[in-house]
Amino acid sequence: MPEELIEYRKISFNITWWNVSGLRVPNSSILEDENGLKYVIRKKTEENQKVIVKVLKKNDKYSIITVYNTEELKALNIDIDNYNKIEQYDTILLYPNG
């Protein structure tokens, strides 16, 4: 009987192939400021920090993000000395507006 069932079984799936590297975060964690820059809220023990990030790729649930390099920060008129970078094991807020 399994041979007959195999003939009628259909499996479908999607493969997403991106050639970028960065940190994968939920889309609900990414906010946008008044200048159109994307940022996440990093949870620290003393206070939460706004961390400006660059979104490389995005799908329905997740985005691949990375930090800006020095030249990009200068072009965006962001103070390099006060720029907070996000790293792999940082804790970010999942729903920062909620």
PDB file of N, CA and C in Angstrom:
ATOM      1  N   MET A   1       0.790  -1.206   0.000  1.00  0.00           N
ATOM      2  CA  MET A   1       0.000   0.000   0.000  1.00  0.00           C
ATOM      3  C   MET A   1       0.846   1.291   0.000  1.00  0.00           C
ATOM      4  N   PRO A   2       2.026   1.323   0.640  1.00  0.00           N
ATOM      5  CA  PRO A   2       2.806   2.569   0.638  1.00  0.00           C
ATOM      6  C   PRO A   2       3.194   3.036  -0.760  1.00  0.00           C
ATOM      7  N   GLU A   3       3.387   2.110  -1.690  1.00  0.00           N
ATOM      8  CA  GLU A   3       3.762   2.511  -3.042  1.00  0.00           C
ATOM      9  C   GLU A   3       2.665   3.358  -3.683  1.00  0.00           C
ATOM     10  N   GLU A   4       1.411   3.046  -3.432  1.00  0.00           N
ATOM     11  CA  GLU A   4       0.307   3.812  -3.992  1.00  0.00           C
ATOM     12  C   GLU A   4       0.235   5.199  -3.353  1.00  0.00           C
ATOM     13  N   LEU A   5       0.500   5.286  -2.054  1.00  0.00           N
ATOM     14  CA  LEU A   5       0.479   6.580  -1.386  1.00  0.00           C
ATOM     15  C   LEU A   5       1.600   7.489  -1.870  1.00  0.00           C
ATOM     16  N   ILE A   6       2.747   6.932  -2.144  1.00  0.00           N
ATOM     17  CA  ILE A   6       3.885   7.723  -2.622  1.00  0.00           C
ATOM     18  C   ILE A   6       3.556   8.397  -3.942  1.00  0.00           C
ATOM     19  N   GLU A   7       2.792   7.762  -4.790  1.00  0.00           N
ATOM     20  CA  GLU A   7       2.424   8.352  -6.076  1.00  0.00           C
ATOM     21  C   GLU A   7       1.587   9.613  -5.905  1.00  0.00           C
ATOM     22  N   TYR A   8       0.825   9.724  -4.819  1.00  0.00           N
ATOM     23  CA  TYR A   8      -0.081  10.853  -4.623  1.00  0.00           C
ATOM     24  C   TYR A   8       0.483  11.921  -3.679  1.00  0.00           C
ATOM     25  N   ARG A   9       1.595  11.675  -3.094  1.00  0.00           N
ATOM     26  CA  ARG A   9       2.175  12.622  -2.158  1.00  0.00           C
ATOM     27  C   ARG A   9       2.911  13.719  -2.925  1.00  0.00           C
ATOM     28  N   LYS A  10       2.678  14.944  -2.525  1.00  0.00           N
ATOM     29  CA  LYS A  10       3.336  16.089  -3.153  1.00  0.00           C
ATOM     30  C   LYS A  10       4.003  16.921  -2.059  1.00  0.00           C
ATOM     31  N   ILE A  11       5.256  17.204  -2.262  1.00  0.00           N
ATOM     32  CA  ILE A  11       6.011  18.016  -1.317  1.00  0.00           C
ATOM     33  C   ILE A  11       6.490  19.257  -2.069  1.00  0.00           C
ATOM     34  N   SER A  12       6.200  20.417  -1.502  1.00  0.00           N
ATOM     35  CA  SER A  12       6.675  21.652  -2.124  1.00  0.00           C
ATOM     36  C   SER A  12       7.446  22.459  -1.079  1.00  0.00           C
ATOM     37  N   PHE A  13       8.467  23.155  -1.518  1.00  0.00           N
ATOM     38  CA  PHE A  13       9.257  23.986  -0.628  1.00  0.00           C
ATOM     39  C   PHE A  13       9.924  25.075  -1.446  1.00  0.00           C
ATOM     40  N   ASN A  14      10.331  26.120  -0.753  1.00  0.00           N
ATOM     41  CA  ASN A  14      11.031  27.245  -1.368  1.00  0.00           C
ATOM     42  C   ASN A  14      12.456  27.283  -0.843  1.00  0.00           C
ATOM     43  N   ILE A  15      13.371  27.580  -1.718  1.00  0.00           N
ATOM     44  CA  ILE A  15      14.762  27.746  -1.327  1.00  0.00           C
ATOM     45  C   ILE A  15      15.135  29.207  -1.561  1.00  0.00           C
ATOM     46  N   THR A  16      15.636  29.843  -0.521  1.00  0.00           N
ATOM     47  CA  THR A  16      16.107  31.219  -0.640  1.00  0.00           C
ATOM     48  C   THR A  16      17.623  31.182  -0.622  1.00  0.00           C
ATOM     49  N   TRP A  17      18.239  31.676  -1.674  1.00  0.00           N
ATOM     50  CA  TRP A  17      19.694  31.656  -1.792  1.00  0.00           C
ATOM     51  C   TRP A  17      20.185  33.090  -1.865  1.00  0.00           C
ATOM     52  N   TRP A  18      20.807  33.549  -0.798  1.00  0.00           N
ATOM     53  CA  TRP A  18      21.359  34.892  -0.748  1.00  0.00           C
ATOM     54  C   TRP A  18      22.861  34.794  -0.612  1.00  0.00           C
ATOM     55  N   ASN A  19      23.549  35.647  -1.297  1.00  0.00           N
ATOM     56  CA  ASN A  19      24.997  35.656  -1.243  1.00  0.00           C
ATOM     57  C   ASN A  19      25.479  36.862  -0.434  1.00  0.00           C
ATOM     58  N   VAL A  20      24.949  37.008   0.778  1.00  0.00           N
ATOM     59  CA  VAL A  20      25.354  38.080   1.681  1.00  0.00           C
ATOM     60  C   VAL A  20      25.604  37.482   3.057  1.00  0.00           C
ATOM     61  N   SER A  21      26.377  38.171   3.840  1.00  0.00           N
ATOM     62  CA  SER A  21      26.591  37.716   5.210  1.00  0.00           C
ATOM     63  C   SER A  21      26.301  38.872   6.150  1.00  0.00           C
ATOM     64  N   GLY A  22      25.758  38.534   7.288  1.00  0.00           N
ATOM     65  CA  GLY A  22      25.396  39.520   8.286  1.00  0.00           C
ATOM     66  C   GLY A  22      24.655  38.836   9.413  1.00  0.00           C
ATOM     67  N   LEU A  23      23.939  39.618  10.182  1.00  0.00           N
ATOM     68  CA  LEU A  23      23.164  39.085  11.292  1.00  0.00           C
ATOM     69  C   LEU A  23      21.703  38.970  10.880  1.00  0.00           C
ATOM     70  N   ARG A  24      21.071  37.861  11.207  1.00  0.00           N
ATOM     71  CA  ARG A  24      19.660  37.658  10.877  1.00  0.00           C
ATOM     72  C   ARG A  24      18.818  38.112  12.065  1.00  0.00           C
ATOM     73  N   VAL A  25      17.932  39.069  11.821  1.00  0.00           N
ATOM     74  CA  VAL A  25      17.050  39.574  12.869  1.00  0.00           C
ATOM     75  C   VAL A  25      15.614  39.584  12.345  1.00  0.00           C
ATOM     76  N   PRO A  26      14.636  39.449  13.233  1.00  0.00           N
ATOM     77  CA  PRO A  26      13.244  39.537  12.807  1.00  0.00           C
ATOM     78  C   PRO A  26      12.915  40.940  12.304  1.00  0.00           C
ATOM     79  N   ASN A  27      12.045  41.027  11.322  1.00  0.00           N
ATOM     80  CA  ASN A  27      11.651  42.331  10.782  1.00  0.00           C
ATOM     81  C   ASN A  27      10.975  43.208  11.835  1.00  0.00           C
ATOM     82  N   SER A  28      10.334  42.592  12.816  1.00  0.00           N
ATOM     83  CA  SER A  28       9.659  43.372  13.862  1.00  0.00           C
ATOM     84  C   SER A  28      10.651  44.132  14.744  1.00  0.00           C
ATOM     85  N   SER A  29      11.930  43.775  14.699  1.00  0.00           N
ATOM     86  CA  SER A  29      12.950  44.444  15.514  1.00  0.00           C
ATOM     87  C   SER A  29      13.515  45.685  14.840  1.00  0.00           C
ATOM     88  N   ILE A  30      13.270  45.853  13.554  1.00  0.00           N
ATOM     89  CA  ILE A  30      13.883  46.952  12.803  1.00  0.00           C
ATOM     90  C   ILE A  30      12.922  48.131  12.734  1.00  0.00           C
ATOM     91  N   LEU A  31      13.413  49.285  13.146  1.00  0.00           N
ATOM     92  CA  LEU A  31      12.643  50.526  13.114  1.00  0.00           C
ATOM     93  C   LEU A  31      13.287  51.493  12.132  1.00  0.00           C
ATOM     94  N   GLU A  32      12.591  52.576  11.821  1.00  0.00           N
ATOM     95  CA  GLU A  32      13.121  53.587  10.905  1.00  0.00           C
ATOM     96  C   GLU A  32      12.970  54.953  11.550  1.00  0.00           C
ATOM     97  N   ASP A  33      14.034  55.760  11.498  1.00  0.00           N
ATOM     98  CA  ASP A  33      13.970  57.091  12.093  1.00  0.00           C
ATOM     99  C   ASP A  33      13.464  58.110  11.080  1.00  0.00           C
ATOM    100  N   GLU A  34      13.431  59.369  11.486  1.00  0.00           N
ATOM    101  CA  GLU A  34      12.893  60.437  10.639  1.00  0.00           C
ATOM    102  C   GLU A  34      13.746  60.690   9.396  1.00  0.00           C
ATOM    103  N   ASN A  35      15.005  60.273   9.391  1.00  0.00           N
ATOM    104  CA  ASN A  35      15.887  60.443   8.236  1.00  0.00           C
ATOM    105  C   ASN A  35      15.863  59.245   7.297  1.00  0.00           C
ATOM    106  N   GLY A  36      15.067  58.227   7.610  1.00  0.00           N
ATOM    107  CA  GLY A  36      14.990  57.041   6.770  1.00  0.00           C
ATOM    108  C   GLY A  36      16.033  55.989   7.091  1.00  0.00           C
ATOM    109  N   LEU A  37      16.797  56.185   8.171  1.00  0.00           N
ATOM    110  CA  LEU A  37      17.807  55.211   8.566  1.00  0.00           C
ATOM    111  C   LEU A  37      17.161  54.103   9.397  1.00  0.00           C
ATOM    112  N   LYS A  38      17.571  52.871   9.157  1.00  0.00           N
ATOM    113  CA  LYS A  38      17.063  51.722   9.895  1.00  0.00           C
ATOM    114  C   LYS A  38      17.894  51.538  11.166  1.00  0.00           C
ATOM    115  N   TYR A  39      17.225  51.120  12.240  1.00  0.00           N
ATOM    116  CA  TYR A  39      17.941  50.874  13.479  1.00  0.00           C
ATOM    117  C   TYR A  39      17.235  49.799  14.302  1.00  0.00           C
ATOM    118  N   VAL A  40      17.974  49.229  15.247  1.00  0.00           N
ATOM    119  CA  VAL A  40      17.443  48.285  16.214  1.00  0.00           C
ATOM    120  C   VAL A  40      17.751  48.830  17.599  1.00  0.00           C
ATOM    121  N   ILE A  41      17.036  48.326  18.593  1.00  0.00           N
ATOM    122  CA  ILE A  41      17.273  48.725  19.982  1.00  0.00           C
ATOM    123  C   ILE A  41      18.038  47.600  20.670  1.00  0.00           C
ATOM    124  N   ARG A  42      19.270  47.898  21.086  1.00  0.00           N
ATOM    125  CA  ARG A  42      20.105  46.921  21.785  1.00  0.00           C
ATOM    126  C   ARG A  42      19.879  47.068  23.284  1.00  0.00           C
ATOM    127  N   LYS A  43      19.602  45.959  23.924  1.00  0.00           N
ATOM    128  CA  LYS A  43      19.343  45.968  25.368  1.00  0.00           C
ATOM    129  C   LYS A  43      20.661  45.875  26.119  1.00  0.00           C
ATOM    130  N   LYS A  44      20.902  46.855  26.929  1.00  0.00           N
ATOM    131  CA  LYS A  44      22.082  46.887  27.798  1.00  0.00           C
ATOM    132  C   LYS A  44      21.606  46.940  29.242  1.00  0.00           C
ATOM    133  N   THR A  45      22.491  46.622  30.169  1.00  0.00           N
ATOM    134  CA  THR A  45      22.100  46.605  31.579  1.00  0.00           C
ATOM    135  C   THR A  45      21.737  47.993  32.082  1.00  0.00           C
ATOM    136  N   GLU A  46      22.461  49.014  31.650  1.00  0.00           N
ATOM    137  CA  GLU A  46      22.191  50.355  32.160  1.00  0.00           C
ATOM    138  C   GLU A  46      21.082  51.076  31.390  1.00  0.00           C
ATOM    139  N   GLU A  47      21.005  50.890  30.077  1.00  0.00           N
ATOM    140  CA  GLU A  47      19.963  51.525  29.256  1.00  0.00           C
ATOM    141  C   GLU A  47      19.930  50.877  27.880  1.00  0.00           C
ATOM    142  N   ASN A  48      18.839  51.090  27.175  1.00  0.00           N
ATOM    143  CA  ASN A  48      18.729  50.579  25.811  1.00  0.00           C
ATOM    144  C   ASN A  48      19.404  51.557  24.853  1.00  0.00           C
ATOM    145  N   GLN A  49      20.070  51.027  23.821  1.00  0.00           N
ATOM    146  CA  GLN A  49      20.789  51.860  22.869  1.00  0.00           C
ATOM    147  C   GLN A  49      20.207  51.702  21.475  1.00  0.00           C
ATOM    148  N   LYS A  50      20.109  52.806  20.781  1.00  0.00           N
ATOM    149  CA  LYS A  50      19.696  52.808  19.379  1.00  0.00           C
ATOM    150  C   LYS A  50      20.936  52.509  18.535  1.00  0.00           C
ATOM    151  N   VAL A  51      20.870  51.470  17.718  1.00  0.00           N
ATOM    152  CA  VAL A  51      22.006  51.067  16.884  1.00  0.00           C
ATOM    153  C   VAL A  51      21.572  51.140  15.418  1.00  0.00           C
ATOM    154  N   ILE A  52      22.174  52.041  14.669  1.00  0.00           N
ATOM    155  CA  ILE A  52      21.854  52.201  13.252  1.00  0.00           C
ATOM    156  C   ILE A  52      22.490  51.052  12.478  1.00  0.00           C
ATOM    157  N   VAL A  53      21.678  50.392  11.635  1.00  0.00           N
ATOM    158  CA  VAL A  53      22.136  49.225  10.889  1.00  0.00           C
ATOM    159  C   VAL A  53      21.783  49.390   9.416  1.00  0.00           C
ATOM    160  N   LYS A  54      22.471  48.613   8.605  1.00  0.00           N
ATOM    161  CA  LYS A  54      22.219  48.584   7.169  1.00  0.00           C
ATOM    162  C   LYS A  54      21.533  47.259   6.851  1.00  0.00           C
ATOM    163  N   VAL A  55      20.348  47.313   6.201  1.00  0.00           N
ATOM    164  CA  VAL A  55      19.613  46.108   5.830  1.00  0.00           C
ATOM    165  C   VAL A  55      20.109  45.665   4.454  1.00  0.00           C
ATOM    166  N   LEU A  56      20.691  44.464   4.401  1.00  0.00           N
ATOM    167  CA  LEU A  56      21.236  43.948   3.149  1.00  0.00           C
ATOM    168  C   LEU A  56      20.185  43.195   2.337  1.00  0.00           C
ATOM    169  N   LYS A  57      19.433  42.328   2.992  1.00  0.00           N
ATOM    170  CA  LYS A  57      18.382  41.533   2.345  1.00  0.00           C
ATOM    171  C   LYS A  57      17.224  41.394   3.311  1.00  0.00           C
ATOM    172  N   LYS A  58      16.031  41.131   2.735  1.00  0.00           N
ATOM    173  CA  LYS A  58      14.842  41.050   3.564  1.00  0.00           C
ATOM    174  C   LYS A  58      13.856  40.085   2.930  1.00  0.00           C
ATOM    175  N   ASN A  59      13.177  39.278   3.767  1.00  0.00           N
ATOM    176  CA  ASN A  59      12.061  38.475   3.280  1.00  0.00           C
ATOM    177  C   ASN A  59      10.859  38.766   4.172  1.00  0.00           C
ATOM    178  N   ASP A  60       9.876  37.883   4.193  1.00  0.00           N
ATOM    179  CA  ASP A  60       8.657  38.143   4.954  1.00  0.00           C
ATOM    180  C   ASP A  60       8.887  38.206   6.462  1.00  0.00           C
ATOM    181  N   LYS A  61       9.813  37.411   6.979  1.00  0.00           N
ATOM    182  CA  LYS A  61      10.007  37.318   8.425  1.00  0.00           C
ATOM    183  C   LYS A  61      11.301  37.928   8.931  1.00  0.00           C
ATOM    184  N   TYR A  62      12.386  37.792   8.152  1.00  0.00           N
ATOM    185  CA  TYR A  62      13.709  38.160   8.645  1.00  0.00           C
ATOM    186  C   TYR A  62      14.435  39.100   7.695  1.00  0.00           C
ATOM    187  N   SER A  63      15.411  39.810   8.257  1.00  0.00           N
ATOM    188  CA  SER A  63      16.313  40.654   7.477  1.00  0.00           C
ATOM    189  C   SER A  63      17.743  40.290   7.837  1.00  0.00           C
ATOM    190  N   ILE A  64      18.628  40.450   6.872  1.00  0.00           N
ATOM    191  CA  ILE A  64      20.062  40.309   7.113  1.00  0.00           C
ATOM    192  C   ILE A  64      20.614  41.727   7.251  1.00  0.00           C
ATOM    193  N   ILE A  65      21.214  42.012   8.398  1.00  0.00           N
ATOM    194  CA  ILE A  65      21.715  43.360   8.663  1.00  0.00           C
ATOM    195  C   ILE A  65      23.214  43.328   8.902  1.00  0.00           C
ATOM    196  N   THR A  66      23.835  44.487   8.782  1.00  0.00           N
ATOM    197  CA  THR A  66      25.249  44.664   9.085  1.00  0.00           C
ATOM    198  C   THR A  66      25.460  46.096   9.548  1.00  0.00           C
ATOM    199  N   VAL A  67      26.676  46.414   9.937  1.00  0.00           N
ATOM    200  CA  VAL A  67      27.002  47.767  10.392  1.00  0.00           C
ATOM    201  C   VAL A  67      27.538  48.581   9.217  1.00  0.00           C
ATOM    202  N   TYR A  68      27.522  49.875   9.361  1.00  0.00           N
ATOM    203  CA  TYR A  68      28.079  50.776   8.358  1.00  0.00           C
ATOM    204  C   TYR A  68      29.588  50.882   8.541  1.00  0.00           C
ATOM    205  N   ASN A  69      30.308  51.053   7.441  1.00  0.00           N
ATOM    206  CA  ASN A  69      31.746  51.293   7.556  1.00  0.00           C
ATOM    207  C   ASN A  69      31.991  52.791   7.725  1.00  0.00           C
ATOM    208  N   THR A  70      33.227  53.177   7.943  1.00  0.00           N
ATOM    209  CA  THR A  70      33.572  54.564   8.262  1.00  0.00           C
ATOM    210  C   THR A  70      33.182  55.538   7.157  1.00  0.00           C
ATOM    211  N   GLU A  71      33.421  55.178   5.907  1.00  0.00           N
ATOM    212  CA  GLU A  71      33.090  56.072   4.795  1.00  0.00           C
ATOM    213  C   GLU A  71      31.586  56.286   4.683  1.00  0.00           C
ATOM    214  N   GLU A  72      30.820  55.223   4.895  1.00  0.00           N
ATOM    215  CA  GLU A  72      29.356  55.343   4.837  1.00  0.00           C
ATOM    216  C   GLU A  72      28.830  56.212   5.974  1.00  0.00           C
ATOM    217  N   LEU A  73      29.425  56.088   7.148  1.00  0.00           N
ATOM    218  CA  LEU A  73      29.020  56.917   8.280  1.00  0.00           C
ATOM    219  C   LEU A  73      29.294  58.387   8.010  1.00  0.00           C
ATOM    220  N   LYS A  74      30.441  58.682   7.423  1.00  0.00           N
ATOM    221  CA  LYS A  74      30.765  60.072   7.085  1.00  0.00           C
ATOM    222  C   LYS A  74      29.788  60.618   6.058  1.00  0.00           C
ATOM    223  N   ALA A  75      29.422  59.814   5.069  1.00  0.00           N
ATOM    224  CA  ALA A  75      28.474  60.247   4.034  1.00  0.00           C
ATOM    225  C   ALA A  75      27.086  60.505   4.621  1.00  0.00           C
ATOM    226  N   LEU A  76      26.731  59.779   5.670  1.00  0.00           N
ATOM    227  CA  LEU A  76      25.424  59.954   6.314  1.00  0.00           C
ATOM    228  C   LEU A  76      25.459  61.000   7.427  1.00  0.00           C
ATOM    229  N   ASN A  77      26.603  61.636   7.647  1.00  0.00           N
ATOM    230  CA  ASN A  77      26.798  62.639   8.700  1.00  0.00           C
ATOM    231  C   ASN A  77      26.507  62.083  10.088  1.00  0.00           C
ATOM    232  N   ILE A  78      26.983  60.870  10.347  1.00  0.00           N
ATOM    233  CA  ILE A  78      26.830  60.240  11.653  1.00  0.00           C
ATOM    234  C   ILE A  78      28.165  60.340  12.376  1.00  0.00           C
ATOM    235  N   ASP A  79      28.109  60.733  13.641  1.00  0.00           N
ATOM    236  CA  ASP A  79      29.316  60.867  14.454  1.00  0.00           C
ATOM    237  C   ASP A  79      29.961  59.492  14.639  1.00  0.00           C
ATOM    238  N   ILE A  80      31.160  59.343  14.133  1.00  0.00           N
ATOM    239  CA  ILE A  80      31.856  58.056  14.157  1.00  0.00           C
ATOM    240  C   ILE A  80      32.224  57.646  15.583  1.00  0.00           C
ATOM    241  N   ASP A  81      32.579  58.612  16.418  1.00  0.00           N
ATOM    242  CA  ASP A  81      33.001  58.304  17.776  1.00  0.00           C
ATOM    243  C   ASP A  81      31.850  57.779  18.643  1.00  0.00           C
ATOM    244  N   ASN A  82      30.626  58.208  18.358  1.00  0.00           N
ATOM    245  CA  ASN A  82      29.473  57.789  19.155  1.00  0.00           C
ATOM    246  C   ASN A  82      28.641  56.709  18.485  1.00  0.00           C
ATOM    247  N   TYR A  83      29.136  56.146  17.383  1.00  0.00           N
ATOM    248  CA  TYR A  83      28.393  55.112  16.655  1.00  0.00           C
ATOM    249  C   TYR A  83      28.482  53.787  17.392  1.00  0.00           C
ATOM    250  N   ASN A  84      27.326  53.225  17.732  1.00  0.00           N
ATOM    251  CA  ASN A  84      27.265  51.929  18.401  1.00  0.00           C
ATOM    252  C   ASN A  84      27.149  50.842  17.350  1.00  0.00           C
ATOM    253  N   LYS A  85      28.008  49.856  17.411  1.00  0.00           N
ATOM    254  CA  LYS A  85      27.955  48.735  16.470  1.00  0.00           C
ATOM    255  C   LYS A  85      27.211  47.579  17.104  1.00  0.00           C
ATOM    256  N   ILE A  86      26.504  46.834  16.274  1.00  0.00           N
ATOM    257  CA  ILE A  86      25.826  45.631  16.752  1.00  0.00           C
ATOM    258  C   ILE A  86      26.730  44.446  16.453  1.00  0.00           C
ATOM    259  N   GLU A  87      26.760  43.502  17.381  1.00  0.00           N
ATOM    260  CA  GLU A  87      27.612  42.331  17.231  1.00  0.00           C
ATOM    261  C   GLU A  87      26.785  41.066  17.381  1.00  0.00           C
ATOM    262  N   GLN A  88      27.393  39.944  17.156  1.00  0.00           N
ATOM    263  CA  GLN A  88      26.692  38.672  17.046  1.00  0.00           C
ATOM    264  C   GLN A  88      25.856  38.319  18.275  1.00  0.00           C
ATOM    265  N   TYR A  89      26.349  38.481  19.465  1.00  0.00           N
ATOM    266  CA  TYR A  89      25.630  38.027  20.640  1.00  0.00           C
ATOM    267  C   TYR A  89      24.947  39.153  21.403  1.00  0.00           C
ATOM    268  N   ASP A  90      24.730  40.291  20.773  1.00  0.00           N
ATOM    269  CA  ASP A  90      23.982  41.373  21.398  1.00  0.00           C
ATOM    270  C   ASP A  90      22.513  40.982  21.516  1.00  0.00           C
ATOM    271  N   THR A  91      21.870  41.473  22.549  1.00  0.00           N
ATOM    272  CA  THR A  91      20.439  41.242  22.743  1.00  0.00           C
ATOM    273  C   THR A  91      19.688  42.449  22.210  1.00  0.00           C
ATOM    274  N   ILE A  92      18.771  42.206  21.270  1.00  0.00           N
ATOM    275  CA  ILE A  92      17.962  43.299  20.733  1.00  0.00           C
ATOM    276  C   ILE A  92      16.510  43.060  21.106  1.00  0.00           C
ATOM    277  N   LEU A  93      15.737  44.139  21.153  1.00  0.00           N
ATOM    278  CA  LEU A  93      14.328  44.024  21.486  1.00  0.00           C
ATOM    279  C   LEU A  93      13.574  43.498  20.276  1.00  0.00           C
ATOM    280  N   LEU A  94      12.698  42.518  20.503  1.00  0.00           N
ATOM    281  CA  LEU A  94      11.950  41.898  19.416  1.00  0.00           C
ATOM    282  C   LEU A  94      10.837  42.814  18.933  1.00  0.00           C
ATOM    283  N   TYR A  95      10.097  43.425  19.840  1.00  0.00           N
ATOM    284  CA  TYR A  95       9.019  44.368  19.506  1.00  0.00           C
ATOM    285  C   TYR A  95       9.279  45.681  20.218  1.00  0.00           C
ATOM    286  N   PRO A  96      10.162  46.526  19.692  1.00  0.00           N
ATOM    287  CA  PRO A  96      10.549  47.730  20.419  1.00  0.00           C
ATOM    288  C   PRO A  96       9.428  48.756  20.591  1.00  0.00           C
ATOM    289  N   ASN A  97       8.390  48.702  19.751  1.00  0.00           N
ATOM    290  CA  ASN A  97       7.293  49.664  19.886  1.00  0.00           C
ATOM    291  C   ASN A  97       6.244  49.226  20.883  1.00  0.00           C
ATOM    292  N   GLY A  98       6.270  47.939  21.251  1.00  0.00           N
ATOM    293  CA  GLY A  98       5.206  47.386  22.095  1.00  0.00           C
ATOM    294  C   GLY A  98       5.435  47.519  23.559  1.00  0.00           C
TER     295      GLY A  98
END
